[in-house]
Protein backbone atom coordinates (compact mmCIF):
# COMPACT_ATOMS: atom_id res chain seq x y z
CA MET A 1 219.72 163.18 329.10
CA ALA A 2 221.68 163.42 332.79
CA HIS A 3 221.93 166.31 333.96
CA PHE A 4 225.34 168.32 336.30
CA ALA A 5 225.61 171.09 338.33
CA LYS A 6 228.71 172.85 337.71
CA ILE A 7 229.54 174.33 341.26
CA SER A 8 231.50 176.68 343.21
CA GLU A 9 233.97 176.23 346.26
CA GLU A 10 231.76 178.26 347.43
CA ASN A 11 229.14 175.97 346.14
CA GLU A 12 227.28 178.23 344.51
CA VAL A 13 225.70 177.21 340.52
CA LEU A 14 227.65 178.63 337.73
CA SER A 15 226.37 175.97 335.15
CA VAL A 16 224.10 173.47 334.15
CA HIS A 17 225.13 170.34 332.06
CA VAL A 18 223.33 167.68 330.04
CA VAL A 19 225.29 164.50 329.16
CA ASN A 20 224.13 161.82 326.81
CA ASN A 21 222.90 158.52 329.65
CA ALA A 22 224.52 156.53 327.43
CA ASP A 23 227.90 158.28 328.52
CA ILE A 24 227.74 157.71 332.22
CA LEU A 25 226.43 154.32 332.57
CA ASP A 26 228.27 151.05 334.03
CA ASN A 27 227.49 147.75 333.70
CA GLY A 28 223.78 148.95 332.21
CA VAL A 29 223.33 151.69 335.05
CA GLU A 30 223.78 155.26 335.16
CA SER A 31 226.80 156.38 337.15
CA GLU A 32 227.12 160.23 338.53
CA THR A 33 230.73 159.81 338.76
CA LYS A 34 231.18 159.06 335.36
CA GLY A 35 229.40 161.91 334.54
CA GLN A 36 231.71 163.91 337.10
CA ASN A 37 234.72 162.26 335.71
CA LEU A 38 233.07 163.10 331.98
CA LEU A 39 232.49 166.37 332.86
CA SER A 40 235.61 167.11 334.20
CA GLU A 41 238.16 166.34 331.44
CA ILE A 42 236.16 168.27 328.96
CA HIS A 43 235.89 171.52 331.34
CA GLY A 44 239.02 170.72 333.24
CA TRP A 45 237.05 171.40 336.29
CA PRO A 46 236.93 168.95 339.63
CA ALA A 47 234.71 166.36 338.94
CA ASN A 48 233.41 167.03 342.55
CA LEU A 49 232.47 170.29 341.50
CA PHE A 50 229.81 168.40 339.71
CA LYS A 51 226.30 166.57 341.16
CA GLN A 52 223.75 165.22 339.23
CA CYS A 53 220.68 167.04 339.30
CA SER A 54 216.79 165.72 338.09
CA TYR A 55 215.08 167.64 335.19
CA HIS A 56 211.32 166.43 337.13
CA THR A 57 212.55 167.36 340.82
CA SER A 58 210.60 170.87 341.62
CA LYS A 59 210.37 171.15 346.19
CA GLY A 60 211.29 167.65 346.74
CA VAL A 61 209.00 166.47 344.73
CA HIS A 62 209.56 164.41 341.02
CA SER A 63 206.91 165.13 338.24
CA ASN A 64 206.78 162.31 337.08
CA GLY A 65 206.31 159.80 340.60
CA GLY A 66 209.97 158.94 340.32
CA THR A 67 212.33 159.43 343.16
CA PRO A 68 213.09 162.96 343.57
CA LEU A 69 216.75 163.77 343.55
CA ARG A 70 218.33 166.95 345.61
CA ALA A 71 215.23 168.42 346.20
CA ASN A 72 215.89 170.57 343.10
CA PHE A 73 216.12 171.02 339.51
CA PRO A 74 218.78 173.81 340.21
CA SER A 75 219.49 177.23 337.92
CA VAL A 76 222.51 179.64 337.84
CA GLY A 77 222.92 180.86 341.39
CA PHE A 78 221.45 178.57 343.54
CA MET A 79 223.51 176.81 346.26
CA TRP A 80 224.95 173.18 346.93
CA HIS A 81 223.98 172.08 350.14
CA GLU A 82 226.36 169.39 350.91
CA ASN A 83 225.11 168.80 354.49
CA HIS A 84 221.36 167.79 353.14
CA ASN A 85 222.65 166.86 349.42
CA ILE A 86 220.29 169.22 348.35
CA PHE A 87 219.85 172.22 345.65
CA SER A 88 218.21 175.81 346.96
CA GLY A 89 217.68 179.19 345.25
CA PRO A 90 219.47 181.73 347.46
CA LYS A 91 218.55 182.47 350.38
CA PRO A 92 216.00 186.07 350.21
CA TYR A 93 215.73 186.78 354.08
CA ALA A 94 219.04 186.43 356.80
CA SER A 95 216.44 185.40 358.77
CA TRP A 96 214.63 182.64 356.65
CA THR A 97 215.51 179.00 357.18
CA LEU A 98 215.87 175.99 354.87
CA ASP A 99 213.00 172.92 354.62
CA THR A 100 215.93 170.44 353.96
CA THR A 101 213.34 168.36 352.88
CA THR A 102 212.06 170.28 349.74
CA GLY A 103 214.87 172.90 348.98
CA VAL A 104 212.39 176.02 349.99
CA TRP A 105 213.41 178.87 351.87
CA ASN A 106 210.77 179.64 355.00
CA PRO A 107 210.21 183.21 356.66
CA PRO A 108 210.29 183.09 360.32
CA VAL A 109 206.40 184.06 359.26
CA ALA A 110 204.04 182.65 358.16
CA LYS A 111 202.58 184.14 354.87
CA PRO A 112 198.85 185.49 354.91
CA ALA A 113 196.54 183.08 353.30
CA ALA A 114 195.00 184.89 350.12
CA GLN A 115 191.88 186.22 351.32
CA GLU A 116 188.08 186.60 349.55
CA ASP A 117 184.99 189.52 350.71
CA PRO A 118 182.37 187.03 349.85
CA GLU A 119 180.10 190.15 350.31
CA ASN A 120 182.83 191.93 346.72
CA LYS A 121 183.32 188.60 345.13
CA SER A 122 187.04 189.54 345.59
CA ASN A 123 189.91 191.22 347.85
CA ILE A 124 193.76 190.04 346.74
CA ARG A 125 196.30 191.34 349.09
CA HIS A 126 199.33 190.61 347.71
CA TYR A 127 202.29 190.88 350.17
CA SER A 128 205.82 191.97 350.59
CA TRP A 129 208.44 190.19 353.26
CA ASN A 130 209.70 193.31 355.39
CA GLU A 131 213.32 192.09 357.09
CA VAL A 132 213.44 194.69 359.57
CA ASN A 133 209.92 194.28 361.12
CA GLN A 134 209.55 190.12 360.39
CA GLN A 135 206.41 190.60 359.53
CA TRP A 136 204.33 190.47 356.06
CA ASP A 137 203.60 193.98 354.78
CA ILE A 138 200.42 194.75 351.86
CA LEU A 139 201.84 195.36 348.68
CA SER A 140 198.99 196.57 346.98
CA GLU A 141 195.26 195.09 346.80
CA ASP A 142 192.91 194.01 344.02
CA ILE A 143 189.13 195.05 345.04
CA TRP A 144 186.50 194.17 342.92
CA VAL A 145 184.86 196.99 342.52
CA GLY A 146 181.65 195.81 339.99
CA THR A 147 180.20 194.47 337.08
CA VAL A 148 181.05 196.09 333.42
CA GLU A 149 179.22 195.09 329.98
CA ASN A 150 182.02 195.13 327.43
CA GLU A 151 182.06 197.14 324.40
CA ASP A 152 181.65 193.57 322.24
CA GLY A 153 178.30 192.90 324.81
CA SER A 154 179.84 190.62 327.04
CA VAL A 155 179.41 191.29 331.28
CA GLY A 156 183.02 191.46 332.62
CA ASP A 157 184.20 191.74 336.76
CA TYR A 158 185.84 195.19 336.86
CA VAL A 159 188.92 195.20 339.35
CA ASP A 160 190.62 198.12 340.46
CA SER A 161 194.02 197.69 341.90
CA GLN A 162 195.12 199.81 345.01
CA ASP A 163 198.91 200.27 346.13
CA PRO A 164 198.37 201.51 349.90
CA ILE A 165 201.40 202.12 350.35
CA HIS A 166 201.77 205.20 347.62
CA ASP A 167 198.10 206.24 347.77
CA GLN A 168 199.18 207.23 351.82
CA GLU A 169 201.73 209.69 350.24
């Protein structure tokens, strides 16, 4: 099956449509133009505002090892970037820039890597982007507290979730 995104004049994805491959063949080869014209007839929408996309493409990679098509399989609310011939999710913050190969928005400061405390097994921090200060703020932390015996006799790790923002109030 072939997939086509219907986009607005503002390049926002409005819907995604499925077309039988047999309906868009031209001398045995898939034709995006045939798909666009077919969908235009059905939906009364300009043919040039239907863009073929691949269900198997995400972040510039085709999951089956094929050729990626237009960086990402879009959903409603995604954006079409005509100059780069790709789809991306909506821009999350004004300061983020688009990777035109992967169709992913990148912050001006890389997100901190996951951290582990070997002595306490783990110390996982959850971050949130702070657009005003252009930095990653710690949203919460999961801190390994100890090992506990469960009701069924098994042994498991006990994790306490800490919220530094609300714990200070």
